[in-house]
Amino acid sequence: MDQAVVHFVSGDLWGGAENQVWQLVDQQLGRPRLKVCVVILNPGQLFDKLTASGANVCLCDESQESFVHILRKSHDFVRQIKQSSPLVVLHSHRRKENLLALLIAVWEQLPAVRTLHGADEHSASASLMTRASKKLEQLLYRRAFKAHVVVAKHLALDLEKIGVRSESIKTISNGIDFAALHFAASQDRKHSHTTKIVGPAAEVQIRVGIVGRLVPVKRHDLFIQLAARIVEGGGLYVHFFIIGEGPLLEVTKAAARNSAARNNIHFFGFVEDVHEVIAEMDAVVILSDHEGLPLNLLESVGLGVMVLGHDVGGVGEILQSYPALLLQTPLLECAEKALWHLIDDDSSLKDQFQQCRAEVVKRFSIERCEQEYYRLYFPPNIDNET
């Protein structure tokens, strides 16, 4: 019996959630008798990848269409899929997409799951209307979704606090195509990307990167301060690379211009094949205030690039057994100390990273991730292939 999954995604920017959706869809396309379909709300890199992959894609451009029109269009899309596939599951990945999937699931009497890729960023200082709206959404989510997927264990606790039944919460960690990353890491590009940014005449011995959207939670301000501390401490040959774009780009550039490390801080902006840039780093740092399970951590480790990460969320869950890689408070001082260990070629740091890499490759494959989602969509007690 044919089966279908319909993903509901935003695709407005390319971040960790979008990257994970793409890798999951790409893996699902290889499963026999499973139709992989996507409702996407924005054109962009994710839309381009999906359409090129052979997935059945419905674009509902939220910059051009009203919510009612998007709902009607996506509902018609699901109805068409349902006509040829008796077993259909809806899978949503963010707030607006959750609401779309929920309404269609109720109308069509279809099972729906949602994935929580990170912590809810709504604050207690939000307006009364916003908080009331959020409460109503949470009530609907609890009643309408058959499963609430979290990518890290700490997010399950967040859901339980707002009344989501523990038996409906499923932890499915993000997954990576490590074979593809291994191939990328094996290519000898002789630091071609970073050399273009820095210039061939610059003396660069150590490359440190931060990867992700330039938004407050990622703490690029601390990265600038960290660079200044290292350079002022004598690390003139250490260069720092900010990979990504976002609303704080100009603010971060201004901070870099005023930094003592101004000559050692470089901006890549958006990079489509970001793994090629990550592969040129000696280390990637994660300084975020909170995280789900960041793909840049898994990708960096898979590429053989050391990760020094703040002890929050999924970062702490992965690095807790490797204290040399885990950044505690005070965060800035701890990050500076870890970088000096890297610069000094500390053998303990290198040994812990190799152990961490072996564990990550074993635990976080995209094959394992796709299999867990498939078993959640279509449990063995219904008529389907296992």
Protein backbone atom coordinates (compact mmCIF):
# COMPACT_ATOMS: atom_id res chain seq x y z
CA MET A 1 0.00 0.00 0.00
CA ASP A 2 1.41 3.40 -1.00
CA GLN A 3 2.24 5.84 1.75
CA ALA A 4 2.90 9.57 1.74
CA VAL A 5 4.39 12.14 4.06
CA VAL A 6 3.68 15.84 3.58
CA HIS A 7 6.18 18.20 5.19
CA PHE A 8 5.16 21.76 6.05
CA VAL A 9 8.17 24.09 6.13
CA SER A 10 8.92 27.80 5.94
CA GLY A 11 12.15 27.98 3.91
CA ASP A 12 12.47 31.72 4.52
CA LEU A 13 16.12 31.42 5.50
CA TRP A 14 18.68 28.63 5.43
CA GLY A 15 19.38 27.55 8.98
CA GLY A 16 19.74 24.38 11.01
CA ALA A 17 16.05 23.42 10.83
CA GLU A 18 15.94 23.93 7.06
CA ASN A 19 19.14 21.94 6.62
CA GLN A 20 17.71 19.08 8.68
CA VAL A 21 14.42 19.09 6.73
CA TRP A 22 16.39 18.90 3.49
CA GLN A 23 18.56 16.01 4.68
CA LEU A 24 15.51 14.12 5.98
CA VAL A 25 13.54 14.63 2.74
CA ASP A 26 16.55 13.62 0.64
CA GLN A 27 16.89 10.41 2.64
CA GLN A 28 13.15 9.68 2.52
CA LEU A 29 13.18 9.94 -1.26
CA GLY A 30 15.19 6.72 -1.32
CA ARG A 31 12.52 4.73 0.52
CA PRO A 32 10.39 2.55 -1.81
CA ARG A 33 6.64 3.22 -1.99
CA LEU A 34 6.86 6.39 0.09
CA LYS A 35 5.73 9.58 -1.63
CA VAL A 36 7.59 12.57 -0.24
CA CYS A 37 5.71 15.85 -0.56
CA VAL A 38 6.39 19.34 0.76
CA VAL A 39 4.36 22.49 1.34
CA ILE A 40 6.87 25.36 1.52
CA LEU A 41 6.05 28.99 2.30
CA ASN A 42 9.00 30.78 0.69
CA PRO A 43 11.20 30.46 -2.39
CA GLY A 44 14.91 30.18 -1.65
CA GLN A 45 17.68 27.65 -1.19
CA LEU A 46 15.49 24.99 0.43
CA PHE A 47 12.84 25.35 -2.28
CA ASP A 48 15.50 25.05 -4.99
CA LYS A 49 16.98 21.91 -3.44
CA LEU A 50 13.56 20.30 -2.96
CA THR A 51 12.36 20.94 -6.50
CA ALA A 52 15.64 19.63 -7.94
CA SER A 53 15.44 16.49 -5.79
CA GLY A 54 12.24 15.12 -7.30
CA ALA A 55 10.04 15.71 -4.25
CA ASN A 56 6.45 16.80 -4.92
CA VAL A 57 6.57 20.47 -3.88
CA CYS A 58 3.78 23.01 -3.42
CA LEU A 59 4.99 26.61 -3.08
CA CYS A 60 2.64 28.90 -1.13
CA ASP A 61 4.54 32.19 -1.09
CA GLU A 62 3.65 33.89 2.18
CA SER A 63 5.02 37.21 0.90
CA GLN A 64 2.40 37.19 -1.87
CA GLU A 65 -0.52 35.18 -0.53
CA SER A 66 -2.83 35.53 2.49
CA PHE A 67 -2.98 32.86 5.17
CA VAL A 68 -6.48 31.87 4.01
CA HIS A 69 -5.26 31.43 0.42
CA ILE A 70 -2.25 29.44 1.61
CA LEU A 71 -4.51 27.23 3.70
CA ARG A 72 -6.86 26.59 0.77
CA LYS A 73 -3.99 25.87 -1.64
CA SER A 74 -2.14 23.52 0.72
CA HIS A 75 -5.42 21.79 1.62
CA ASP A 76 -6.11 21.09 -2.07
CA PHE A 77 -2.53 19.79 -2.41
CA VAL A 78 -3.03 17.33 0.46
CA ARG A 79 -6.39 16.19 -0.93
CA GLN A 80 -4.76 15.31 -4.25
CA ILE A 81 -2.09 13.28 -2.46
CA LYS A 82 -4.72 11.52 -0.39
CA GLN A 83 -6.53 10.33 -3.54
CA SER A 84 -3.54 8.23 -4.62
CA SER A 85 -2.04 7.38 -1.22
CA PRO A 86 -4.41 5.89 1.37
CA LEU A 87 -1.86 6.35 4.17
CA VAL A 88 -0.88 10.02 4.56
CA VAL A 89 0.93 11.67 7.46
CA LEU A 90 1.45 15.42 7.85
CA HIS A 91 4.74 16.61 9.36
CA SER A 92 5.23 20.27 10.32
CA HIS A 93 8.39 22.03 11.39
CA ARG A 94 7.63 25.52 12.73
CA ARG A 95 4.89 27.71 14.18
CA LYS A 96 2.86 28.83 11.15
CA GLU A 97 3.39 25.49 9.48
CA ASN A 98 2.15 23.76 12.63
CA LEU A 99 -1.14 25.63 12.37
CA LEU A 100 -1.53 24.79 8.68
CA ALA A 101 -0.87 21.10 9.25
CA LEU A 102 -3.15 21.03 12.29
CA LEU A 103 -6.16 22.53 10.46
CA ILE A 104 -5.74 20.25 7.43
CA ALA A 105 -5.24 17.19 9.65
CA VAL A 106 -8.52 17.90 11.46
CA TRP A 107 -10.48 18.51 8.25
CA GLU A 108 -9.10 15.46 6.47
CA GLN A 109 -8.87 13.25 9.57
CA LEU A 110 -5.18 12.60 9.00
CA PRO A 111 -2.45 11.91 11.57
CA ALA A 112 -0.01 14.78 12.10
CA VAL A 113 3.34 15.11 13.84
CA ARG A 114 5.40 18.21 14.50
CA THR A 115 9.10 18.64 15.20
CA LEU A 116 10.39 21.14 17.73
CA HIS A 117 13.85 22.03 16.40
CA GLY A 118 14.75 24.43 19.21
CA ALA A 119 13.52 26.26 22.28
CA ASP A 120 10.51 28.57 22.05
CA GLU A 121 11.81 32.13 21.86
CA HIS A 122 8.59 33.85 23.04
CA SER A 123 9.40 35.81 26.18
CA ALA A 124 7.39 36.57 29.29
CA SER A 125 7.46 40.25 28.28
CA ALA A 126 5.40 39.58 25.15
CA SER A 127 2.02 41.31 24.87
CA LEU A 128 -1.07 39.84 26.47
CA MET A 129 -2.52 39.08 23.02
CA THR A 130 0.65 37.25 21.97
CA ARG A 131 0.74 35.19 25.17
CA ALA A 132 -2.98 34.35 24.88
CA SER A 133 -2.50 33.32 21.25
CA LYS A 134 0.40 31.10 22.26
CA LYS A 135 -1.65 29.44 25.00
CA LEU A 136 -4.44 28.67 22.52
CA GLU A 137 -1.93 27.22 20.05
CA GLN A 138 -0.45 25.00 22.73
CA LEU A 139 -3.90 23.71 23.64
CA LEU A 140 -4.63 22.88 20.01
CA TYR A 141 -1.25 21.23 19.55
CA ARG A 142 -1.74 19.01 22.57
CA ARG A 143 -5.08 17.78 21.25
CA ALA A 144 -4.47 17.54 17.50
CA PHE A 145 -0.93 16.21 16.97
CA LYS A 146 -0.41 12.50 17.42
CA ALA A 147 3.25 13.06 18.27
CA HIS A 148 5.53 15.92 19.27
CA VAL A 149 9.10 15.24 18.15
CA VAL A 150 12.02 16.95 19.88
CA VAL A 151 15.60 16.86 18.64
CA ALA A 152 17.15 16.90 22.12
CA LYS A 153 16.05 15.61 25.53
CA HIS A 154 15.87 19.00 27.25
CA LEU A 155 13.16 20.10 24.79
CA ALA A 156 10.96 17.22 25.97
CA LEU A 157 11.03 18.71 29.47
CA ASP A 158 9.95 22.08 28.04
CA LEU A 159 6.91 20.43 26.43
CA GLU A 160 5.97 18.55 29.59
CA LYS A 161 5.99 21.85 31.52
CA ILE A 162 3.23 23.22 29.27
CA GLY A 163 1.07 20.13 29.64
CA VAL A 164 2.04 17.96 26.68
CA ARG A 165 1.60 14.30 27.63
CA SER A 166 4.94 12.57 27.98
CA GLU A 167 3.72 9.52 26.03
CA SER A 168 3.12 11.75 22.97
CA ILE A 169 6.67 13.17 23.06
CA LYS A 170 9.31 11.40 20.99
CA THR A 171 13.00 12.28 20.90
CA ILE A 172 14.52 11.86 17.44
CA SER A 173 17.96 13.40 17.20
CA ASN A 174 19.03 15.19 14.05
CA GLY A 175 20.96 13.17 11.51
CA ILE A 176 23.81 13.83 9.09
CA ASP A 177 25.02 12.14 5.90
CA PHE A 178 28.50 11.45 7.23
CA ALA A 179 29.60 9.65 4.06
CA ALA A 180 29.04 12.85 2.05
CA LEU A 181 30.85 14.89 4.69
CA HIS A 182 33.77 12.47 4.67
CA PHE A 183 34.08 12.95 0.91
CA ALA A 184 33.96 16.74 1.33
CA ALA A 185 36.61 16.64 4.03
CA SER A 186 38.89 14.51 1.85
CA GLN A 187 39.08 17.17 -0.86
CA ASP A 188 42.32 19.14 -0.67
CA ARG A 189 41.36 22.76 -1.33
CA LYS A 190 44.37 24.25 0.49
CA HIS A 191 42.20 26.73 2.41
CA SER A 192 40.97 28.28 -0.83
CA HIS A 193 37.84 29.84 0.69
CA THR A 194 39.56 31.47 3.66
CA THR A 195 42.51 32.60 1.55
CA LYS A 196 40.11 34.53 -0.70
CA ILE A 197 38.75 36.34 2.35
CA VAL A 198 42.01 37.01 4.19
CA GLY A 199 44.34 37.45 1.23
CA PRO A 200 47.28 35.25 0.20
CA ALA A 201 49.87 37.41 1.99
CA ALA A 202 48.33 37.12 5.47
CA GLU A 203 49.93 34.80 8.00
CA VAL A 204 47.12 32.52 9.15
CA GLN A 205 48.02 29.54 11.29
CA ILE A 206 44.77 28.95 13.18
CA ARG A 207 41.25 29.43 11.80
CA VAL A 208 38.29 29.70 14.19
CA GLY A 209 34.73 29.90 12.93
CA ILE A 210 31.20 30.56 14.15
CA VAL A 211 28.37 29.28 11.97
CA GLY A 212 24.73 30.34 11.91
CA ARG A 213 22.25 33.16 11.54
CA LEU A 214 23.30 36.48 12.98
CA VAL A 215 20.57 36.74 15.62
CA PRO A 216 20.89 37.65 19.32
CA VAL A 217 20.69 34.10 20.68
CA LYS A 218 23.83 33.02 18.77
CA ARG A 219 26.00 35.58 20.63
CA HIS A 220 28.24 36.83 17.85
CA ASP A 221 29.02 39.71 20.22
CA LEU A 222 30.88 37.26 22.46
CA PHE A 223 32.71 35.88 19.43
CA ILE A 224 34.03 39.39 18.68
CA GLN A 225 35.15 39.76 22.30
CA LEU A 226 36.78 36.34 22.21
CA ALA A 227 38.75 37.30 19.10
CA ALA A 228 39.97 40.49 20.80
CA ARG A 229 41.16 38.56 23.85
CA ILE A 230 43.13 36.08 21.76
CA VAL A 231 44.74 38.74 19.57
CA GLU A 232 45.59 40.97 22.54
CA GLY A 233 47.08 37.90 24.23
CA GLY A 234 49.54 37.45 21.36
CA GLY A 235 47.54 35.32 18.94
CA LEU A 236 48.15 37.59 15.95
CA TYR A 237 48.19 34.59 13.61
CA VAL A 238 44.75 33.38 14.76
CA HIS A 239 41.91 34.47 12.47
CA PHE A 240 38.19 34.43 13.18
CA PHE A 241 35.49 33.76 10.55
CA ILE A 242 31.81 34.62 10.86
CA ILE A 243 29.84 32.37 8.52
CA GLY A 244 26.22 33.32 7.91
CA GLU A 245 23.92 36.30 7.59
CA GLY A 246 20.98 37.72 9.49
CA PRO A 247 19.46 40.85 11.04
CA LEU A 248 22.52 41.57 13.22
CA LEU A 249 25.01 41.52 10.34
CA GLU A 250 25.66 45.27 10.22
CA VAL A 251 25.77 45.58 14.02
CA THR A 252 28.28 42.74 14.17
CA LYS A 253 30.40 44.28 11.42
CA ALA A 254 30.46 47.57 13.33
CA ALA A 255 31.57 45.77 16.49
CA ALA A 256 34.33 44.02 14.52
CA ARG A 257 35.58 47.34 13.11
CA ASN A 258 35.88 48.71 16.64
CA SER A 259 37.58 45.59 17.99
CA ALA A 260 41.25 45.15 18.78
CA ALA A 261 41.00 42.10 16.50
CA ARG A 262 39.60 44.08 13.56
CA ASN A 263 42.30 42.78 11.20
CA ASN A 264 41.68 39.18 12.25
CA ILE A 265 37.87 39.04 11.96
CA HIS A 266 36.35 38.15 8.59
CA PHE A 267 32.79 37.79 7.28
CA PHE A 268 31.76 35.13 4.81
CA GLY A 269 28.06 35.98 4.68
CA PHE A 270 25.76 33.29 3.35
CA VAL A 271 27.60 30.27 1.91
CA GLU A 272 25.61 27.65 -0.01
CA ASP A 273 28.15 24.84 0.42
CA VAL A 274 28.95 25.78 3.99
CA HIS A 275 30.62 22.44 4.74
CA GLU A 276 33.45 23.41 2.38
CA VAL A 277 34.17 26.47 4.53
CA ILE A 278 33.77 24.60 7.82
CA ALA A 279 36.28 22.01 6.58
CA GLU A 280 38.94 24.74 6.44
CA MET A 281 38.50 25.65 10.11
CA ASP A 282 40.67 24.40 12.94
CA ALA A 283 37.77 24.87 15.34
CA VAL A 284 34.14 25.98 15.39
CA VAL A 285 32.78 27.61 18.53
CA ILE A 286 29.15 27.61 19.69
CA LEU A 287 28.41 30.41 22.16
CA SER A 288 24.59 30.41 21.93
CA ASP A 289 22.34 31.22 24.89
CA HIS A 290 20.26 28.15 24.02
CA GLU A 291 20.23 25.50 21.30
CA GLY A 292 18.24 22.48 20.18
CA LEU A 293 20.66 20.08 18.51
CA PRO A 294 22.69 22.29 16.15
CA LEU A 295 23.57 20.76 12.81
CA ASN A 296 26.72 22.88 12.62
CA LEU A 297 28.01 20.87 15.59
CA LEU A 298 27.30 17.53 13.89
CA GLU A 299 28.62 18.72 10.53
CA SER A 300 31.79 20.17 12.00
CA VAL A 301 32.58 17.05 13.99
CA GLY A 302 31.78 14.90 10.95
CA LEU A 303 34.25 16.95 8.93
CA GLY A 304 36.93 16.39 11.55
CA VAL A 305 36.78 20.00 12.79
CA MET A 306 36.94 20.49 16.55
CA VAL A 307 33.88 22.01 18.25
CA LEU A 308 34.05 24.04 21.44
CA GLY A 309 30.46 24.45 22.62
CA HIS A 310 28.53 26.22 25.36
CA ASP A 311 26.89 23.82 27.81
CA VAL A 312 23.29 24.45 26.73
CA GLY A 313 20.62 22.18 25.27
CA GLY A 314 21.73 19.53 22.83
CA VAL A 315 25.29 20.91 22.80
CA GLY A 316 25.71 19.92 26.43
CA GLU A 317 24.04 16.55 25.83
CA ILE A 318 26.61 15.66 23.17
CA LEU A 319 29.73 17.16 24.75
CA GLN A 320 29.06 16.34 28.42
CA SER A 321 31.50 13.40 28.34
CA TYR A 322 34.24 15.59 26.86
CA PRO A 323 34.94 18.41 29.36
CA ALA A 324 37.81 19.88 27.32
CA LEU A 325 35.31 20.68 24.55
CA LEU A 326 32.47 21.88 26.78
CA LEU A 327 32.35 25.58 27.64
CA GLN A 328 31.00 26.35 31.10
CA THR A 329 30.47 29.67 32.84
CA PRO A 330 32.01 32.18 32.85
CA LEU A 331 31.60 31.53 29.14
CA LEU A 332 34.03 34.04 27.66
CA GLU A 333 36.88 33.08 29.98
CA CYS A 334 36.25 29.39 29.42
CA ALA A 335 36.19 29.81 25.62
CA GLU A 336 39.43 31.79 25.71
CA LYS A 337 41.13 29.10 27.78
CA ALA A 338 39.94 26.35 25.41
CA LEU A 339 41.24 28.25 22.38
CA TRP A 340 44.66 28.66 23.96
CA HIS A 341 44.72 24.89 24.50
CA LEU A 342 43.94 24.50 20.80
CA ILE A 343 46.64 26.97 19.83
CA ASP A 344 49.14 25.19 22.05
CA ASP A 345 48.23 21.86 20.39
CA ASP A 346 47.07 20.31 23.67
CA SER A 347 47.07 16.50 23.32
CA SER A 348 44.22 15.99 25.83
CA LEU A 349 41.99 18.30 23.80
CA LYS A 350 42.79 16.41 20.60
CA ASP A 351 42.20 13.00 22.23
CA GLN A 352 38.81 14.03 23.60
CA PHE A 353 37.78 15.38 20.22
CA GLN A 354 38.63 12.11 18.46
CA GLN A 355 36.56 10.19 21.02
CA CYS A 356 33.71 12.65 20.55
CA ARG A 357 33.87 12.30 16.77
CA ALA A 358 33.62 8.51 16.94
CA GLU A 359 30.53 8.77 19.16
CA VAL A 360 28.82 11.41 17.01
CA VAL A 361 29.30 9.46 13.77
CA LYS A 362 27.85 6.37 15.44
CA ARG A 363 24.82 8.09 17.03
CA PHE A 364 23.70 10.76 14.59
CA SER A 365 23.47 9.26 11.11
CA ILE A 366 20.73 10.44 8.75
CA GLU A 367 19.86 6.78 8.08
CA ARG A 368 18.98 6.26 11.75
CA CYS A 369 17.03 9.53 11.83
CA GLU A 370 14.93 8.64 8.76
CA GLN A 371 14.17 5.16 10.09
CA GLU A 372 12.92 6.53 13.40
CA TYR A 373 10.64 9.02 11.65
CA TYR A 374 9.27 6.29 9.38
CA ARG A 375 8.40 4.07 12.35
CA LEU A 376 6.68 7.05 13.96
CA TYR A 377 4.66 7.87 10.82
CA PHE A 378 3.64 4.28 10.10
CA PRO A 379 3.86 2.04 13.17
CA PRO A 380 4.21 -1.72 12.53
CA ASN A 381 0.62 -2.33 13.66
CA ILE A 382 -0.73 -0.78 10.44
CA ASP A 383 -0.42 -2.22 6.95
CA ASN A 384 3.00 -1.06 5.74
CA GLU A 385 6.46 -2.23 4.96
CA THR A 386 8.91 -2.29 7.83
